[in-house]
Amino acid sequence: MNNYVAGHLENPDRADSCIGIEFDEGHGAVAYINEEEISLTYKQVRQLASMVASVASQMEWYQATWVYAFYSTKYHLMRKGDHGEHAKALCGTLPPTWGTYTSSWTLSPVLEAPWRTSSMCKRCLAIYEKRTQEGQEHGH
C-alpha cells in the first residue's frame, strides 16, 4: 500500500499538534488531527475541500480592509464597509448603466496590497496610496 502525503500543518506551540491529509490507495484518503486518523472517501474529500475553500473565503473577507470592484476589464478599489454592488469606487466611478438597468460590480477582497497592473484604475491606486499613507501618519 502506497501513501502519498499531501501535507500537514504543525502547531509550533504544541509538539503533538498537527493536521494533515494523505492519499491512501487502499482507503481513498486519510485525514489526521493530532494522533487521530480519519478515513475519507473521494466524495468526503471533495466536500471537505469545498468547506475549507468556503472558510478561507470568509476569512479573506473578514481580514480585508479594501475591496476590488471589477467590471468588464478594469479593477477599481473601495474601502470595506463603503463597498457594494452599486457603490462608487474610490475614483468616483459607478458601475455602468444602460437605460434603466444598472450593472453591478464583482467584488472581491484585497488580501494584502492592491495589484499594480494595467487593469487597475490608476486614480483608485493614487487615492488608496494617499489614504493609507495618511493612516500611517495618524497612527491608524
Protein backbone atom coordinates (compact mmCIF):
# COMPACT_ATOMS: atom_id res chain seq x y z
CA MET A 1 0.00 0.00 0.00
CA ASN A 2 1.45 3.37 -1.07
CA ASN A 3 0.69 6.56 0.84
CA TYR A 4 1.22 9.94 -0.79
CA VAL A 5 1.41 12.76 1.72
CA ALA A 6 -0.40 15.89 0.59
CA GLY A 7 0.94 17.84 3.50
CA HIS A 8 0.46 18.64 7.11
CA LEU A 9 0.47 21.67 9.35
CA GLU A 10 2.09 21.69 12.74
CA ASN A 11 1.28 23.93 15.66
CA PRO A 12 4.63 25.34 16.84
CA ASP A 13 3.20 25.87 20.33
CA ARG A 14 2.49 22.17 20.83
CA ALA A 15 4.76 19.38 19.65
CA ASP A 16 1.86 16.88 19.49
CA SER A 17 -0.47 19.13 17.49
CA CYS A 18 -0.75 18.73 13.72
CA ILE A 19 -3.33 18.30 10.99
CA GLY A 20 -2.89 16.72 7.59
CA ILE A 21 -4.29 14.61 4.80
CA GLU A 22 -2.79 11.96 2.56
CA PHE A 23 -3.88 9.76 -0.34
CA ASP A 24 -4.08 6.09 0.53
CA GLU A 25 -4.57 3.61 -2.32
CA GLY A 26 -6.37 1.20 -0.01
CA HIS A 27 -8.82 3.62 1.55
CA GLY A 28 -9.05 6.76 -0.60
CA ALA A 29 -7.64 9.29 1.83
CA VAL A 30 -6.72 9.58 5.46
CA ALA A 31 -7.02 12.81 7.36
CA TYR A 32 -5.33 13.12 10.67
CA ILE A 33 -5.69 15.53 13.52
CA ASN A 34 -3.05 15.12 16.17
CA GLU A 35 -2.91 11.35 16.72
CA GLU A 36 -6.40 10.54 15.33
CA GLU A 37 -6.77 9.18 11.79
CA ILE A 38 -9.99 9.50 9.82
CA SER A 39 -10.58 7.55 6.58
CA LEU A 40 -12.30 9.58 3.86
CA THR A 41 -13.95 8.65 0.57
CA TYR A 42 -13.39 10.69 -2.58
CA LYS A 43 -16.79 12.37 -2.08
CA GLN A 44 -15.89 13.29 1.51
CA VAL A 45 -12.53 14.74 0.39
CA ARG A 46 -14.30 16.90 -2.24
CA GLN A 47 -16.83 18.06 0.41
CA LEU A 48 -14.01 18.85 2.85
CA ALA A 49 -12.14 20.80 0.13
CA SER A 50 -15.30 22.81 -0.56
CA MET A 51 -15.78 23.57 3.15
CA VAL A 52 -12.14 24.63 3.53
CA ALA A 53 -12.42 26.92 0.48
CA SER A 54 -15.58 28.48 1.91
CA VAL A 55 -13.95 29.14 5.28
CA ALA A 56 -10.85 30.57 3.58
CA SER A 57 -13.07 32.95 1.58
CA GLN A 58 -14.88 34.06 4.73
CA MET A 59 -11.52 34.64 6.46
CA GLU A 60 -10.29 36.72 3.49
CA TRP A 61 -13.38 38.94 3.63
CA TYR A 62 -13.10 39.28 7.41
CA GLN A 63 -9.41 40.26 7.27
CA ALA A 64 -9.69 42.61 4.27
CA THR A 65 -9.71 46.39 4.67
CA TRP A 66 -10.06 47.13 0.95
CA VAL A 67 -12.22 45.61 -1.80
CA TYR A 68 -11.69 45.19 -5.54
CA ALA A 69 -14.67 46.33 -7.63
CA PHE A 70 -14.43 44.80 -11.10
CA TYR A 71 -16.47 45.35 -14.22
CA SER A 72 -15.54 44.38 -17.77
CA THR A 73 -11.77 44.97 -17.95
CA LYS A 74 -10.99 47.39 -15.11
CA TYR A 75 -10.45 46.89 -11.38
CA HIS A 76 -11.34 49.72 -9.03
CA LEU A 77 -10.96 49.98 -5.25
CA MET A 78 -13.42 50.56 -2.43
CA ARG A 79 -12.93 50.76 1.31
CA LYS A 80 -14.52 47.74 3.00
CA GLY A 81 -17.68 48.96 4.69
CA ASP A 82 -18.26 51.53 1.93
CA HIS A 83 -18.40 48.80 -0.72
CA GLY A 84 -21.42 47.45 -2.54
CA GLU A 85 -22.53 46.14 -5.91
CA HIS A 86 -23.73 49.63 -6.93
CA ALA A 87 -21.40 51.80 -4.78
CA LYS A 88 -18.88 54.33 -6.07
CA ALA A 89 -15.26 53.31 -6.41
CA LEU A 90 -12.59 55.49 -4.75
CA CYS A 91 -12.20 57.42 -8.01
CA GLY A 92 -15.94 58.16 -8.11
CA THR A 93 -16.75 55.66 -10.86
CA LEU A 94 -20.10 53.87 -10.69
CA PRO A 95 -20.86 50.60 -12.46
CA PRO A 96 -22.24 51.22 -15.97
CA THR A 97 -25.92 51.78 -16.67
CA TRP A 98 -27.94 51.11 -19.81
CA GLY A 99 -31.27 52.91 -19.75
CA THR A 100 -32.98 51.76 -16.55
CA TYR A 101 -30.62 48.81 -16.00
CA THR A 102 -27.69 49.38 -13.65
CA SER A 103 -24.93 46.83 -13.79
CA SER A 104 -23.16 45.75 -10.63
CA TRP A 105 -19.56 45.36 -9.59
CA THR A 106 -18.00 41.98 -8.99
CA LEU A 107 -16.48 42.38 -5.54
CA SER A 108 -13.53 40.56 -4.01
CA PRO A 109 -11.27 41.26 -1.02
CA VAL A 110 -7.83 42.85 -1.36
CA LEU A 111 -5.66 40.38 0.53
CA GLU A 112 -2.55 42.46 1.19
CA ALA A 113 -1.96 45.41 -1.12
CA PRO A 114 -3.77 46.12 -4.41
CA TRP A 115 -2.38 44.78 -7.65
CA ARG A 116 -0.16 47.10 -9.65
CA THR A 117 -1.24 46.03 -13.13
CA SER A 118 -2.52 47.75 -16.23
CA SER A 119 -6.05 46.58 -15.39
CA MET A 120 -6.07 48.58 -12.10
CA CYS A 121 -7.61 52.06 -12.09
CA LYS A 122 -4.69 54.47 -11.63
CA ARG A 123 -6.89 57.07 -9.91
CA CYS A 124 -8.11 54.50 -7.37
CA LEU A 125 -4.49 53.46 -6.69
CA ALA A 126 -3.42 57.09 -6.15
CA ILE A 127 -6.30 57.70 -3.70
CA TYR A 128 -5.55 54.40 -1.95
CA GLU A 129 -1.87 55.36 -1.58
CA LYS A 130 -2.78 58.77 -0.16
CA ARG A 131 -5.30 57.34 2.33
CA THR A 132 -3.02 54.55 3.53
CA GLN A 133 -0.08 56.97 3.96
CA GLU A 134 -2.30 59.39 5.90
CA GLY A 135 -3.50 56.48 8.06
CA GLN A 136 0.10 55.53 8.89
CA GLU A 137 0.98 59.13 9.76
CA HIS A 138 -2.02 59.40 12.10
CA GLY A 139 -1.30 56.04 13.79
CA HIS A 140 -4.18 54.13 12.17
